Amino acid sequence: MGDEALLQRSVRTLAWLGDAAFERDVRWRVCRRGDYPVDRLDTIKADLVRAEAQAALLEALDEHLTEDERAVVQRGRNAKTTSLRAKKDTQTYRSSTGFEALVARWALLEGAWERYEALVVPRLEPMIDEAVARRAKKPRRG
């Protein structure tokens, strides 16, 4: 099965893949900021991959999305919420599911990751800088 065929999977599966792709990218970008203790790296990463941060990113992207991208996001937003945590703020979690599904689309379609780089990264980098400044003390000297 080719990667593009994975786009036909359930939106929950797409969101799961997108979550992994986004978290991997965030981890790489955070590590480039300095050599912090792992517990701090985890805290910084958690600030960026949590549902509220993903929903905020999606909101900032909305006007720049194509119709196909919006359709993927809408599928994610329409996914049923099963987590107890998600039921506390259903709209935020549904938006984050839409964001994750969109990231999976970009990761799976050949040549589409450039859309992620163009749309998400300029908004993500300042968020990382803010999270590092808020959560990290000085990096270890190595």
Protein backbone atom coordinates (compact mmCIF):
# COMPACT_ATOMS: atom_id res chain seq x y z
CA MET A 1 0.00 0.00 0.00
CA GLY A 2 1.41 3.40 -0.96
CA ASP A 3 1.32 6.33 1.42
CA GLU A 4 -1.36 8.11 -0.60
CA ALA A 5 -3.65 5.11 -0.10
CA LEU A 6 -3.43 5.77 3.65
CA LEU A 7 -5.44 8.94 3.06
CA GLN A 8 -8.47 6.69 2.62
CA ARG A 9 -8.18 5.40 6.19
CA SER A 10 -10.49 6.66 8.90
CA VAL A 11 -9.95 10.24 9.97
CA ARG A 12 -9.00 9.00 13.44
CA THR A 13 -6.18 7.00 11.83
CA LEU A 14 -5.09 10.05 9.83
CA ALA A 15 -5.10 12.13 13.01
CA TRP A 16 -3.02 9.49 14.76
CA LEU A 17 -0.44 9.62 11.96
CA GLY A 18 -0.53 13.42 11.86
CA ASP A 19 -0.05 13.60 15.61
CA ALA A 20 3.11 11.50 15.29
CA ALA A 21 4.46 13.56 12.37
CA PHE A 22 3.77 16.86 14.16
CA GLU A 23 5.27 15.68 17.46
CA ARG A 24 8.39 14.45 15.66
CA ASP A 25 8.82 17.81 13.95
CA VAL A 26 8.29 19.69 17.23
CA ARG A 27 10.83 17.49 19.02
CA TRP A 28 13.47 18.17 16.36
CA ARG A 29 12.82 21.91 16.46
CA VAL A 30 12.89 22.05 20.27
CA CYS A 31 16.15 20.08 20.43
CA ARG A 32 17.76 22.56 18.06
CA ARG A 33 17.19 25.24 20.72
CA GLY A 34 19.54 23.63 23.24
CA ASP A 35 20.50 20.59 25.25
CA TYR A 36 17.97 20.70 28.07
CA PRO A 37 17.19 17.97 30.57
CA VAL A 38 14.66 15.50 29.18
CA ASP A 39 11.95 16.47 31.66
CA ARG A 40 12.15 20.06 30.43
CA LEU A 41 12.17 18.93 26.80
CA ASP A 42 9.01 16.93 27.52
CA THR A 43 7.34 19.91 29.17
CA ILE A 44 8.20 22.21 26.27
CA LYS A 45 7.02 19.63 23.74
CA ALA A 46 3.78 19.10 25.66
CA ASP A 47 3.06 22.85 25.51
CA LEU A 48 3.26 22.69 21.73
CA VAL A 49 1.51 19.43 20.89
CA ARG A 50 -1.45 19.83 23.26
CA ALA A 51 -4.89 20.23 21.74
CA GLU A 52 -5.15 23.94 22.55
CA ALA A 53 -1.91 24.76 20.73
CA GLN A 54 -2.88 22.68 17.71
CA ALA A 55 -6.33 24.32 17.58
CA ALA A 56 -4.68 27.75 17.71
CA LEU A 57 -2.37 26.80 14.84
CA LEU A 58 -5.32 25.57 12.79
CA GLU A 59 -7.21 28.80 13.41
CA ALA A 60 -4.20 30.81 12.19
CA LEU A 61 -3.99 28.67 9.05
CA ASP A 62 -7.66 28.63 8.14
CA GLU A 63 -7.72 31.42 5.55
CA HIS A 64 -4.71 29.91 3.74
CA LEU A 65 -6.10 26.40 3.26
CA THR A 66 -7.27 24.99 -0.03
CA GLU A 67 -10.71 23.42 -0.38
CA ASP A 68 -9.16 19.92 -0.27
CA GLU A 69 -7.28 20.81 2.91
CA ARG A 70 -10.43 22.26 4.47
CA ALA A 71 -12.28 19.04 3.64
CA VAL A 72 -9.69 17.01 5.57
CA VAL A 73 -9.92 19.40 8.51
CA GLN A 74 -13.71 19.16 8.48
CA ARG A 75 -13.53 15.36 8.53
CA GLY A 76 -11.33 15.65 11.61
CA ARG A 77 -13.63 18.11 13.31
CA ASN A 78 -16.58 15.81 12.69
CA ALA A 79 -14.88 12.80 14.30
CA LYS A 80 -16.59 11.55 17.41
CA THR A 81 -14.77 12.29 20.65
CA THR A 82 -14.18 9.26 22.86
CA SER A 83 -11.63 10.51 25.38
CA LEU A 84 -12.88 11.81 28.73
CA ARG A 85 -10.36 14.65 28.52
CA ALA A 86 -11.64 15.57 25.08
CA LYS A 87 -15.21 15.80 26.31
CA LYS A 88 -14.24 18.70 28.58
CA ASP A 89 -13.62 20.95 25.58
CA THR A 90 -15.03 19.16 22.57
CA GLN A 91 -14.54 22.01 20.10
CA THR A 92 -10.82 22.34 20.89
CA TYR A 93 -10.21 18.61 20.64
CA ARG A 94 -12.13 18.35 17.40
CA SER A 95 -10.10 21.21 15.96
CA SER A 96 -6.87 19.53 17.04
CA THR A 97 -8.04 16.29 15.40
CA GLY A 98 -8.65 18.28 12.21
CA PHE A 99 -5.17 19.79 12.45
CA GLU A 100 -3.58 16.38 12.96
CA ALA A 101 -5.46 14.92 9.99
CA LEU A 102 -4.25 17.82 7.87
CA VAL A 103 -0.64 17.25 8.97
CA ALA A 104 -1.02 13.59 7.97
CA ARG A 105 -2.29 14.66 4.54
CA TRP A 106 0.76 16.84 4.05
CA ALA A 107 3.06 14.05 5.28
CA LEU A 108 1.48 11.40 3.05
CA LEU A 109 1.08 13.24 -0.25
CA GLU A 110 4.27 13.42 -2.27
CA GLY A 111 5.52 16.99 -2.36
CA ALA A 112 2.87 18.26 0.07
CA TRP A 113 5.14 18.66 3.10
CA GLU A 114 6.20 22.00 1.62
CA ARG A 115 2.70 23.26 2.52
CA TYR A 116 3.40 22.34 6.15
CA GLU A 117 6.76 24.11 5.96
CA ALA A 118 5.19 27.23 4.41
CA LEU A 119 2.05 27.46 6.54
CA VAL A 120 2.80 25.86 9.91
CA VAL A 121 6.50 26.42 10.53
CA PRO A 122 6.42 30.27 10.49
CA ARG A 123 3.70 30.11 13.15
CA LEU A 124 5.25 27.23 15.07
CA GLU A 125 8.76 28.66 15.46
CA PRO A 126 7.66 31.65 17.62
CA MET A 127 5.53 29.28 19.71
CA ILE A 128 8.61 27.14 20.31
CA ASP A 129 10.70 30.18 21.26
CA GLU A 130 8.01 31.25 23.72
CA ALA A 131 7.70 27.77 25.24
CA VAL A 132 11.47 27.46 25.60
CA ALA A 133 11.72 30.89 27.23
CA ARG A 134 8.86 30.06 29.60
CA ARG A 135 9.86 26.50 30.53
CA ALA A 136 13.58 26.06 30.09
CA LYS A 137 16.35 27.32 32.22
CA LYS A 138 19.79 27.53 30.73
CA PRO A 139 20.85 24.64 28.50
CA ARG A 140 23.49 22.26 29.76
CA ARG A 141 26.99 22.91 28.58
CA GLY A 142 28.34 20.09 26.54
